[in-house]
């Protein structure tokens, strides 16, 4: 019987040296990028004389959407006469409107919602 050494569990768990070098290089790159970003941020703060209070105020508004939420729904400005799809006129044209204008032969005036005098009075009193 030949005396064969069985591999130890530690040998099977070792990471190849190439992988370690790559991981170390990536970590070094990430550290260098972070240091560079910090230098740039410091320079911008100094250049524009930004105060800590201004930074706090700016970070408090991060994530606040300028797009109207569903609770602040805009009035409908355009409606497809057949499908009933609507658009408030904000942002890019929806697909249904492009289809109606380019392929179905509708004109913008035909898709525009005509608000009656009663609707206008209700909006002005609100």
N, C-alpha and C. Protein backbone atom coordinates (compact mmCIF):
# COMPACT_ATOMS: atom_id res chain seq x y z
N UNK A 1 0.83 -1.16 0.00
CA UNK A 1 0.00 0.00 0.00
C UNK A 1 0.88 1.24 0.00
N UNK A 2 0.56 2.16 -0.86
CA UNK A 2 1.33 3.38 -0.97
C UNK A 2 0.92 4.35 0.13
N UNK A 3 1.87 5.08 0.61
CA UNK A 3 1.60 6.06 1.64
C UNK A 3 1.23 7.38 0.98
N UNK A 4 -0.02 7.58 0.80
CA UNK A 4 -0.50 8.81 0.17
C UNK A 4 -0.98 9.76 1.24
N UNK A 5 -0.57 11.00 1.08
CA UNK A 5 -1.04 12.00 2.03
C UNK A 5 -2.40 12.50 1.59
N UNK A 6 -3.27 12.54 2.51
CA UNK A 6 -4.59 13.08 2.21
C UNK A 6 -4.52 14.60 2.34
N UNK A 7 -5.19 15.31 1.44
CA UNK A 7 -5.17 16.77 1.55
C UNK A 7 -5.90 17.21 2.82
N UNK A 8 -5.31 18.14 3.48
CA UNK A 8 -5.94 18.65 4.69
C UNK A 8 -7.06 19.61 4.32
N UNK A 9 -8.05 19.79 5.20
CA UNK A 9 -9.14 20.72 4.90
C UNK A 9 -8.63 22.13 4.66
N UNK A 10 -7.55 22.52 5.30
CA UNK A 10 -7.01 23.86 5.11
C UNK A 10 -6.49 24.04 3.68
N UNK A 11 -5.92 22.98 3.09
CA UNK A 11 -5.41 23.08 1.73
C UNK A 11 -6.54 23.30 0.73
N UNK A 12 -7.67 22.66 0.93
CA UNK A 12 -8.77 22.79 -0.02
C UNK A 12 -9.47 24.14 0.09
N UNK A 13 -9.30 24.81 1.23
CA UNK A 13 -9.97 26.10 1.42
C UNK A 13 -9.08 27.27 1.03
N UNK A 14 -7.85 27.00 0.63
CA UNK A 14 -6.97 28.10 0.27
C UNK A 14 -7.40 28.71 -1.04
N UNK A 15 -7.29 30.04 -1.10
CA UNK A 15 -7.64 30.78 -2.30
C UNK A 15 -6.39 30.91 -3.16
N UNK A 16 -6.51 30.70 -4.47
CA UNK A 16 -5.33 30.85 -5.33
C UNK A 16 -4.73 32.24 -5.18
N UNK A 17 -3.41 32.33 -5.31
CA UNK A 17 -2.72 33.61 -5.10
C UNK A 17 -3.18 34.65 -6.12
N UNK A 18 -3.52 34.24 -7.34
CA UNK A 18 -4.00 35.19 -8.34
C UNK A 18 -5.29 35.85 -7.88
N UNK A 19 -6.18 35.08 -7.29
CA UNK A 19 -7.45 35.64 -6.82
C UNK A 19 -7.20 36.61 -5.67
N UNK A 20 -6.25 36.28 -4.80
CA UNK A 20 -5.92 37.20 -3.69
C UNK A 20 -5.36 38.50 -4.23
N UNK A 21 -4.49 38.41 -5.21
CA UNK A 21 -3.91 39.61 -5.79
C UNK A 21 -4.97 40.48 -6.44
N UNK A 22 -5.90 39.85 -7.14
CA UNK A 22 -6.98 40.60 -7.80
C UNK A 22 -7.87 41.26 -6.76
N UNK A 23 -8.22 40.55 -5.70
CA UNK A 23 -9.05 41.09 -4.64
C UNK A 23 -8.36 42.25 -3.94
N UNK A 24 -7.07 42.10 -3.67
CA UNK A 24 -6.32 43.18 -3.03
C UNK A 24 -6.24 44.39 -3.94
N UNK A 25 -6.05 44.16 -5.24
CA UNK A 25 -5.99 45.27 -6.20
C UNK A 25 -7.33 45.99 -6.27
N UNK A 26 -8.43 45.24 -6.26
CA UNK A 26 -9.75 45.85 -6.31
C UNK A 26 -10.01 46.66 -5.05
N UNK A 27 -9.60 46.14 -3.90
CA UNK A 27 -9.78 46.87 -2.65
C UNK A 27 -8.95 48.14 -2.66
N UNK A 28 -7.73 48.05 -3.20
CA UNK A 28 -6.88 49.23 -3.28
C UNK A 28 -7.49 50.26 -4.22
N UNK A 29 -8.02 49.81 -5.36
CA UNK A 29 -8.68 50.72 -6.29
C UNK A 29 -9.87 51.40 -5.63
N UNK A 30 -10.65 50.65 -4.88
CA UNK A 30 -11.82 51.22 -4.21
C UNK A 30 -11.40 52.26 -3.18
N UNK A 31 -10.32 51.98 -2.45
CA UNK A 31 -9.81 52.94 -1.47
C UNK A 31 -9.31 54.20 -2.16
N UNK A 32 -8.63 54.02 -3.29
CA UNK A 32 -8.12 55.18 -4.03
C UNK A 32 -9.27 56.01 -4.59
N UNK A 33 -10.32 55.36 -5.10
CA UNK A 33 -11.48 56.08 -5.61
C UNK A 33 -12.18 56.85 -4.49
N UNK A 34 -12.30 56.22 -3.34
CA UNK A 34 -12.94 56.87 -2.20
C UNK A 34 -12.13 58.08 -1.76
N UNK A 35 -10.81 57.93 -1.67
CA UNK A 35 -9.94 59.04 -1.28
C UNK A 35 -10.04 60.18 -2.29
N UNK A 36 -10.09 59.83 -3.56
CA UNK A 36 -10.23 60.83 -4.60
C UNK A 36 -11.57 61.58 -4.49
N UNK A 37 -12.62 60.84 -4.23
CA UNK A 37 -13.94 61.46 -4.08
C UNK A 37 -13.97 62.39 -2.88
N UNK A 38 -13.34 61.98 -1.78
CA UNK A 38 -13.29 62.84 -0.60
C UNK A 38 -12.50 64.12 -0.87
N UNK A 39 -11.37 63.99 -1.58
CA UNK A 39 -10.60 65.19 -1.94
C UNK A 39 -11.44 66.14 -2.79
N UNK A 40 -12.16 65.58 -3.74
CA UNK A 40 -12.99 66.41 -4.62
C UNK A 40 -14.12 67.07 -3.83
N UNK A 41 -14.74 66.33 -2.93
CA UNK A 41 -15.82 66.90 -2.11
C UNK A 41 -15.29 68.03 -1.23
N UNK A 42 -14.13 67.81 -0.63
CA UNK A 42 -13.53 68.87 0.20
C UNK A 42 -13.23 70.11 -0.63
N UNK A 43 -12.71 69.89 -1.83
CA UNK A 43 -12.39 71.02 -2.70
C UNK A 43 -13.67 71.79 -3.05
N UNK A 44 -14.74 71.08 -3.40
CA UNK A 44 -16.00 71.74 -3.75
C UNK A 44 -16.57 72.52 -2.57
N UNK A 45 -16.52 71.91 -1.38
CA UNK A 45 -17.02 72.60 -0.18
C UNK A 45 -16.22 73.87 0.06
N UNK A 46 -14.91 73.80 -0.06
CA UNK A 46 -14.08 74.98 0.13
C UNK A 46 -14.31 76.03 -0.96
N UNK A 47 -14.38 75.57 -2.19
CA UNK A 47 -14.52 76.49 -3.31
C UNK A 47 -15.84 77.27 -3.23
N UNK A 48 -16.93 76.57 -2.95
CA UNK A 48 -18.25 77.21 -2.89
C UNK A 48 -18.60 77.71 -1.49
N UNK A 49 -17.69 77.55 -0.54
CA UNK A 49 -17.90 77.99 0.85
C UNK A 49 -19.22 77.45 1.41
N UNK A 50 -19.40 76.16 1.27
CA UNK A 50 -20.61 75.49 1.75
C UNK A 50 -20.47 75.24 3.24
N UNK A 51 -21.50 75.63 3.98
CA UNK A 51 -21.47 75.45 5.43
C UNK A 51 -22.07 74.10 5.81
N UNK A 52 -21.76 73.60 7.01
CA UNK A 52 -22.36 72.34 7.45
C UNK A 52 -23.89 72.40 7.49
N UNK A 53 -24.45 73.55 7.84
CA UNK A 53 -25.91 73.69 7.86
C UNK A 53 -26.49 73.51 6.46
N UNK A 54 -25.81 74.05 5.46
CA UNK A 54 -26.28 73.89 4.09
C UNK A 54 -26.22 72.43 3.66
N UNK A 55 -25.17 71.73 4.09
CA UNK A 55 -25.07 70.31 3.76
C UNK A 55 -26.20 69.51 4.40
N UNK A 56 -26.49 69.82 5.68
CA UNK A 56 -27.58 69.12 6.36
C UNK A 56 -28.91 69.38 5.68
N UNK A 57 -29.14 70.64 5.31
CA UNK A 57 -30.40 70.99 4.64
C UNK A 57 -30.51 70.29 3.29
N UNK A 58 -29.39 70.21 2.58
CA UNK A 58 -29.40 69.55 1.27
C UNK A 58 -29.64 68.06 1.42
N UNK A 59 -29.04 67.44 2.46
CA UNK A 59 -29.23 66.00 2.63
C UNK A 59 -30.64 65.69 3.10
N UNK A 60 -31.30 66.64 3.75
CA UNK A 60 -32.68 66.42 4.19
C UNK A 60 -33.64 66.43 3.01
N UNK A 61 -33.28 67.14 1.94
CA UNK A 61 -34.16 67.20 0.78
C UNK A 61 -33.86 66.12 -0.24
N UNK A 62 -32.78 65.37 -0.05
CA UNK A 62 -32.46 64.28 -0.97
C UNK A 62 -33.56 63.24 -0.86
N UNK A 63 -34.06 62.81 -2.00
CA UNK A 63 -35.13 61.82 -2.00
C UNK A 63 -36.51 62.45 -2.06
N UNK A 64 -36.60 63.77 -1.91
CA UNK A 64 -37.88 64.43 -2.04
C UNK A 64 -38.15 64.60 -3.52
N UNK A 65 -39.23 64.02 -3.98
CA UNK A 65 -39.55 64.03 -5.39
C UNK A 65 -40.23 65.32 -5.79
N UNK A 66 -39.82 65.86 -6.92
CA UNK A 66 -40.47 67.04 -7.45
C UNK A 66 -41.62 66.67 -8.37
N UNK A 67 -41.78 65.39 -8.62
CA UNK A 67 -42.88 64.90 -9.44
C UNK A 67 -44.12 64.83 -8.56
N UNK A 68 -45.25 65.31 -9.04
CA UNK A 68 -46.45 65.26 -8.22
C UNK A 68 -46.78 63.83 -7.84
N UNK A 69 -47.12 63.62 -6.59
CA UNK A 69 -47.49 62.29 -6.14
C UNK A 69 -48.95 62.03 -6.49
N UNK A 70 -49.38 60.81 -6.24
CA UNK A 70 -50.76 60.47 -6.56
C UNK A 70 -51.74 61.29 -5.72
N UNK A 71 -51.29 61.74 -4.52
CA UNK A 71 -52.18 62.55 -3.69
C UNK A 71 -52.32 63.95 -4.27
N UNK A 72 -51.37 64.37 -5.12
CA UNK A 72 -51.45 65.67 -5.76
C UNK A 72 -51.71 65.47 -7.25
N UNK A 73 -52.68 64.68 -7.58
CA UNK A 73 -52.95 64.33 -8.97
C UNK A 73 -53.29 65.59 -9.77
N UNK A 74 -52.73 65.65 -10.95
CA UNK A 74 -52.98 66.77 -11.85
C UNK A 74 -54.27 66.50 -12.62
N UNK A 75 -54.95 67.55 -13.04
CA UNK A 75 -56.17 67.34 -13.82
C UNK A 75 -55.84 66.72 -15.18
N UNK A 76 -56.74 65.92 -15.66
CA UNK A 76 -56.58 65.26 -16.96
C UNK A 76 -56.70 66.30 -18.06
N UNK A 77 -55.74 66.30 -18.97
CA UNK A 77 -55.76 67.24 -20.09
C UNK A 77 -56.07 66.56 -21.41
N UNK A 78 -55.75 65.25 -21.50
CA UNK A 78 -55.97 64.52 -22.74
C UNK A 78 -56.61 63.17 -22.43
N UNK A 79 -57.56 62.77 -23.28
CA UNK A 79 -58.25 61.48 -23.09
C UNK A 79 -58.50 60.87 -24.46
N UNK A 80 -58.23 59.57 -24.56
CA UNK A 80 -58.52 58.86 -25.80
C UNK A 80 -60.02 58.59 -25.85
N UNK A 81 -60.69 58.96 -26.94
CA UNK A 81 -62.15 58.82 -26.99
C UNK A 81 -62.65 57.38 -26.97
N UNK A 82 -61.84 56.43 -27.39
CA UNK A 82 -62.29 55.05 -27.44
C UNK A 82 -61.83 54.27 -26.21
N UNK A 83 -60.54 54.30 -25.93
CA UNK A 83 -60.01 53.49 -24.83
C UNK A 83 -60.20 54.15 -23.47
N UNK A 84 -60.32 55.47 -23.45
CA UNK A 84 -60.48 56.17 -22.19
C UNK A 84 -59.16 56.45 -21.48
N UNK A 85 -58.01 56.08 -22.10
CA UNK A 85 -56.71 56.38 -21.51
C UNK A 85 -56.57 57.88 -21.34
N UNK A 86 -55.89 58.29 -20.25
CA UNK A 86 -55.75 59.72 -19.98
C UNK A 86 -54.29 60.08 -19.79
N UNK A 87 -54.01 61.40 -19.88
CA UNK A 87 -52.69 61.96 -19.64
C UNK A 87 -52.86 63.36 -19.11
N UNK A 88 -52.04 63.72 -18.10
CA UNK A 88 -52.15 65.04 -17.50
C UNK A 88 -51.31 66.09 -18.21
N UNK A 89 -50.59 65.71 -19.25
CA UNK A 89 -49.80 66.66 -20.01
C UNK A 89 -48.41 66.89 -19.46
N UNK A 90 -48.04 66.19 -18.38
CA UNK A 90 -46.73 66.34 -17.78
C UNK A 90 -45.86 65.15 -18.18
N UNK A 91 -44.63 65.45 -18.60
CA UNK A 91 -43.71 64.39 -18.97
C UNK A 91 -43.86 64.02 -20.43
N UNK A 92 -43.19 62.96 -20.85
CA UNK A 92 -43.26 62.54 -22.25
C UNK A 92 -44.64 62.02 -22.62
N UNK A 93 -44.94 62.10 -23.90
CA UNK A 93 -46.23 61.60 -24.38
C UNK A 93 -46.34 60.11 -24.08
N UNK A 94 -47.49 59.67 -23.57
CA UNK A 94 -47.67 58.23 -23.36
C UNK A 94 -47.81 57.50 -24.69
N UNK A 95 -47.58 56.20 -24.64
CA UNK A 95 -47.65 55.39 -25.85
C UNK A 95 -49.00 55.48 -26.53
N UNK A 96 -50.09 55.48 -25.75
CA UNK A 96 -51.42 55.52 -26.36
C UNK A 96 -51.62 56.80 -27.17
N UNK A 97 -51.05 57.91 -26.70
CA UNK A 97 -51.20 59.18 -27.42
C UNK A 97 -50.37 59.17 -28.71
N UNK A 98 -49.16 58.65 -28.64
CA UNK A 98 -48.35 58.54 -29.86
C UNK A 98 -49.06 57.68 -30.90
N UNK A 99 -49.62 56.57 -30.42
CA UNK A 99 -50.35 55.67 -31.33
C UNK A 99 -51.54 56.40 -31.97
N UNK A 100 -52.29 57.12 -31.14
CA UNK A 100 -53.47 57.83 -31.64
C UNK A 100 -53.09 58.91 -32.65
N UNK A 101 -52.03 59.63 -32.38
CA UNK A 101 -51.63 60.72 -33.28
C UNK A 101 -50.96 60.22 -34.55
N UNK A 102 -50.10 59.24 -34.43
CA UNK A 102 -49.31 58.81 -35.58
C UNK A 102 -49.99 57.75 -36.44
N UNK A 103 -50.79 56.88 -35.81
CA UNK A 103 -51.34 55.76 -36.57
C UNK A 103 -52.86 55.77 -36.70
N UNK A 104 -53.53 56.31 -35.68
CA UNK A 104 -54.99 56.27 -35.70
C UNK A 104 -55.62 57.49 -36.34
N UNK A 105 -54.82 58.50 -36.65
CA UNK A 105 -55.33 59.67 -37.37
C UNK A 105 -55.99 60.73 -36.50
N UNK A 106 -55.84 60.67 -35.19
CA UNK A 106 -56.41 61.70 -34.32
C UNK A 106 -55.53 62.94 -34.36
N UNK A 107 -56.13 64.10 -34.07
CA UNK A 107 -55.41 65.35 -33.89
C UNK A 107 -55.37 65.65 -32.40
N UNK A 108 -54.41 66.46 -31.99
CA UNK A 108 -54.26 66.80 -30.58
C UNK A 108 -55.55 67.42 -30.04
N UNK A 109 -56.17 68.28 -30.83
CA UNK A 109 -57.41 68.95 -30.39
C UNK A 109 -58.51 67.94 -30.10
N UNK A 110 -58.51 66.83 -30.83
CA UNK A 110 -59.54 65.81 -30.62
C UNK A 110 -59.31 65.05 -29.31
N UNK A 111 -58.07 64.99 -28.86
CA UNK A 111 -57.75 64.26 -27.64
C UNK A 111 -57.78 65.15 -26.40
N UNK A 112 -57.75 66.48 -26.60
CA UNK A 112 -57.76 67.41 -25.48
C UNK A 112 -59.12 67.38 -24.80
N UNK A 113 -59.09 67.35 -23.47
CA UNK A 113 -60.33 67.33 -22.69
C UNK A 113 -60.89 68.74 -22.68
N UNK A 114 -62.17 68.86 -23.01
CA UNK A 114 -62.84 70.15 -22.97
C UNK A 114 -63.49 70.30 -21.61
N UNK A 115 -62.91 71.16 -20.78
CA UNK A 115 -63.50 71.39 -19.46
C UNK A 115 -64.67 72.36 -19.62
N UNK A 116 -65.77 71.99 -19.05
CA UNK A 116 -66.96 72.85 -19.13
C UNK A 116 -66.80 74.01 -18.17
N UNK A 117 -67.68 74.98 -18.27
CA UNK A 117 -67.65 76.13 -17.38
C UNK A 117 -67.86 75.70 -15.93
N UNK A 118 -68.66 74.64 -15.71
CA UNK A 118 -68.89 74.14 -14.36
C UNK A 118 -67.60 73.59 -13.75
N UNK A 119 -66.80 72.86 -14.57
CA UNK A 119 -65.53 72.34 -14.09
C UNK A 119 -64.58 73.48 -13.72
N UNK A 120 -64.55 74.51 -14.56
CA UNK A 120 -63.67 75.64 -14.29
C UNK A 120 -64.09 76.37 -13.01
N UNK A 121 -65.40 76.52 -12.81
CA UNK A 121 -65.90 77.18 -11.60
C UNK A 121 -65.55 76.35 -10.36
N UNK A 122 -65.65 75.04 -10.46
CA UNK A 122 -65.35 74.17 -9.33
C UNK A 122 -63.86 74.25 -8.99
N UNK A 123 -63.00 74.33 -10.01
CA UNK A 123 -61.57 74.42 -9.77
C UNK A 123 -61.18 75.75 -9.15
N UNK A 124 -61.82 76.84 -9.55
CA UNK A 124 -61.46 78.15 -9.02
C UNK A 124 -61.98 78.33 -7.60
N UNK A 125 -63.07 77.66 -7.24
CA UNK A 125 -63.61 77.80 -5.89
C UNK A 125 -62.86 76.91 -4.90
N UNK A 126 -62.15 75.92 -5.37
CA UNK A 126 -61.43 74.99 -4.47
C UNK A 126 -60.18 75.56 -3.92
